[in-house]
Amino acid sequence: MAEKRSAGILLYRRREGAEPEVLLGHMGGPFWARRDQRAWSVVKGEYEADEAPQDAARREFREELGLPVPPGDLVPLGEARQGSGKIVTVWALEGDLDPDRVVPGTFTMEWPPRSGRTQEFPEIDRAAWLPLADARERIVAGQRVFLDRLAARTDAG
């Protein structure tokens, strides 16, 4: 079985006299509903071997947020293996968007478990701009490395 891979875009913005902020998505669905710490993620998603990772990152951004990718050059932040074994590749992009305009994609799952009923849930139930320090506390542990790499690139370490 091939390794699972995801690709994503870490959107960031700079504010005068403040550390950069990153746009993270709070993971949707019943498992994450009452969690905040370690329940936020880079906007990303899985892709197949026949799709270029950067194309997948752009597609997933549009699908998960329901908004176009802001213009600009994607800057590679590399790969990281998550606790699940999945390999995530992320690019940074300086830009801006209004989180209130997010219209998330959805997924379907059996809920409650073993009930035989399926329900639809948002991929991301909310998105927010977070200063790097706050983002480090909220992002899933396996993705913190991308914040560190972004901080090194923006001298906001």
Protein backbone atom coordinates (compact mmCIF):
# COMPACT_ATOMS: atom_id res chain seq x y z
CA MET A 1 0.00 0.00 0.00
CA ALA A 2 1.36 3.44 -0.96
CA GLU A 3 2.09 6.02 1.69
CA LYS A 4 -0.65 8.57 2.25
CA ARG A 5 0.39 12.07 1.30
CA SER A 6 -1.18 15.47 1.88
CA ALA A 7 -0.27 18.88 0.53
CA GLY A 8 -1.24 22.28 1.84
CA ILE A 9 -0.72 26.00 1.93
CA LEU A 10 0.17 27.92 5.08
CA LEU A 11 -1.19 31.39 4.38
CA TYR A 12 0.46 34.13 6.43
CA ARG A 13 0.31 37.88 6.75
CA ARG A 14 2.50 40.48 8.38
CA ARG A 15 1.17 43.32 10.51
CA GLU A 16 3.10 46.46 11.33
CA GLY A 17 5.00 45.94 14.59
CA ALA A 18 3.59 42.47 15.24
CA GLU A 19 4.70 38.92 14.61
CA PRO A 20 3.32 37.26 11.48
CA GLU A 21 -0.11 35.65 11.67
CA VAL A 22 -1.04 32.38 10.02
CA LEU A 23 -4.40 31.18 8.80
CA LEU A 24 -5.31 27.81 10.34
CA GLY A 25 -8.45 25.74 10.09
CA HIS A 26 -10.13 24.09 13.07
CA MET A 27 -10.80 20.49 12.05
CA GLY A 28 -14.46 19.69 11.61
CA GLY A 29 -16.46 16.70 12.73
CA PRO A 30 -17.55 15.35 16.09
CA PHE A 31 -14.10 14.22 17.28
CA TRP A 32 -12.73 17.78 17.19
CA ALA A 33 -15.91 19.70 18.15
CA ARG A 34 -14.99 20.39 21.79
CA ARG A 35 -11.22 20.59 21.35
CA ASP A 36 -9.10 23.64 20.74
CA GLN A 37 -5.51 22.79 21.64
CA ARG A 38 -3.93 20.58 18.93
CA ALA A 39 -7.17 20.69 16.89
CA TRP A 40 -6.08 23.24 14.25
CA SER A 41 -4.35 22.48 10.99
CA VAL A 42 -2.69 23.88 7.92
CA VAL A 43 -5.28 23.93 5.12
CA LYS A 44 -4.36 20.70 3.34
CA GLY A 45 -5.63 17.44 1.97
CA GLU A 46 -4.67 14.11 0.46
CA TYR A 47 -3.67 13.59 -3.12
CA GLU A 48 -2.88 10.70 -5.42
CA ALA A 49 0.48 9.88 -7.03
CA ASP A 50 -0.65 11.22 -10.42
CA GLU A 51 -1.23 14.76 -9.07
CA ALA A 52 1.59 17.24 -8.50
CA PRO A 53 1.79 18.15 -4.78
CA GLN A 54 1.68 21.90 -5.46
CA ASP A 55 -1.43 21.46 -7.63
CA ALA A 56 -3.00 19.40 -4.85
CA ALA A 57 -2.19 22.10 -2.29
CA ARG A 58 -3.96 24.72 -4.41
CA ARG A 59 -6.95 22.42 -5.05
CA GLU A 60 -7.31 21.53 -1.38
CA PHE A 61 -7.16 25.19 -0.35
CA ARG A 62 -10.07 25.97 -2.69
CA GLU A 63 -12.03 22.88 -1.64
CA GLU A 64 -11.55 23.25 2.10
CA LEU A 65 -12.12 27.02 2.32
CA GLY A 66 -14.38 27.59 -0.66
CA LEU A 67 -12.19 30.55 -1.63
CA PRO A 68 -9.53 31.05 -4.29
CA VAL A 69 -5.85 30.86 -3.41
CA PRO A 70 -4.59 34.44 -3.01
CA PRO A 71 -2.11 35.54 -5.68
CA GLY A 72 1.59 35.16 -4.97
CA ASP A 73 4.49 32.76 -5.07
CA LEU A 74 4.38 29.56 -3.04
CA VAL A 75 7.51 29.12 -0.91
CA PRO A 76 8.36 25.51 -0.02
CA LEU A 77 8.41 24.65 3.69
CA GLY A 78 9.26 21.01 3.01
CA GLU A 79 7.77 17.77 4.26
CA ALA A 80 7.04 16.27 7.66
CA ARG A 81 5.83 12.82 8.64
CA GLN A 82 2.79 12.98 10.91
CA GLY A 83 2.11 10.65 13.82
CA SER A 84 -0.27 8.69 11.59
CA GLY A 85 2.59 8.05 9.15
CA LYS A 86 1.15 10.39 6.51
CA ILE A 87 3.67 12.67 4.81
CA VAL A 88 2.58 16.30 4.59
CA THR A 89 4.15 18.80 2.19
CA VAL A 90 3.48 22.49 2.82
CA TRP A 91 4.11 25.77 1.03
CA ALA A 92 3.96 29.21 2.61
CA LEU A 93 2.10 32.00 0.85
CA GLU A 94 1.96 35.60 1.98
CA GLY A 95 -1.54 36.91 1.47
CA ASP A 96 -4.80 37.78 3.14
CA LEU A 97 -8.41 36.68 3.20
CA ASP A 98 -11.44 37.15 5.39
CA PRO A 99 -12.13 34.00 7.47
CA ASP A 100 -15.80 35.01 7.68
CA ARG A 101 -16.06 34.32 3.93
CA VAL A 102 -14.95 30.68 4.29
CA VAL A 103 -17.46 28.16 2.94
CA PRO A 104 -15.93 24.82 3.92
CA GLY A 105 -16.11 21.60 2.00
CA THR A 106 -17.79 18.67 3.73
CA PHE A 107 -17.29 14.98 4.38
CA THR A 108 -19.70 12.21 5.32
CA MET A 109 -19.20 9.66 8.08
CA GLU A 110 -21.21 7.27 10.20
CA TRP A 111 -22.28 9.11 13.32
CA PRO A 112 -22.85 8.15 16.04
CA PRO A 113 -20.49 5.18 15.67
CA ARG A 114 -22.19 1.87 14.82
CA SER A 115 -25.54 3.65 14.43
CA GLY A 116 -25.90 2.92 10.73
CA ARG A 117 -26.66 6.62 10.18
CA THR A 118 -24.42 8.90 8.19
CA GLN A 119 -24.04 12.62 8.72
CA GLU A 120 -22.27 15.35 6.82
CA PHE A 121 -19.70 17.52 8.60
CA PRO A 122 -17.54 20.47 7.50
CA GLU A 123 -13.89 19.66 6.72
CA ILE A 124 -13.02 22.81 8.67
CA ASP A 125 -15.63 24.23 11.02
CA ARG A 126 -13.88 27.58 11.33
CA ALA A 127 -10.74 29.37 10.16
CA ALA A 128 -8.84 32.08 12.01
CA TRP A 129 -5.76 34.23 11.84
CA LEU A 130 -3.47 33.39 14.75
CA PRO A 131 -0.17 34.94 15.83
CA LEU A 132 2.63 32.39 15.55
CA ALA A 133 2.83 31.92 19.34
CA ASP A 134 -0.89 31.07 19.57
CA ALA A 135 -0.72 28.91 16.46
CA ARG A 136 2.08 26.84 18.02
CA GLU A 137 -0.24 25.99 20.92
CA ARG A 138 -3.24 25.12 18.77
CA ILE A 139 -1.83 23.35 15.71
CA VAL A 140 -1.61 19.55 15.67
CA ALA A 141 1.81 18.55 16.98
CA GLY A 142 3.10 17.05 13.73
CA GLN A 143 2.59 20.33 11.87
CA ARG A 144 4.36 22.64 14.33
CA VAL A 145 7.54 22.20 12.28
CA PHE A 146 5.97 24.19 9.45
CA LEU A 147 5.39 27.15 11.79
CA ASP A 148 9.03 26.94 12.87
CA ARG A 149 10.19 26.89 9.25
CA LEU A 150 7.97 29.85 8.41
CA ALA A 151 9.27 31.79 11.43
CA ALA A 152 12.85 31.16 10.32
CA ARG A 153 12.03 32.43 6.81
CA THR A 154 10.27 35.56 8.08
CA ASP A 155 12.76 36.27 10.92
CA ALA A 156 9.93 35.97 13.44
CA GLY A 157 11.47 33.02 15.28
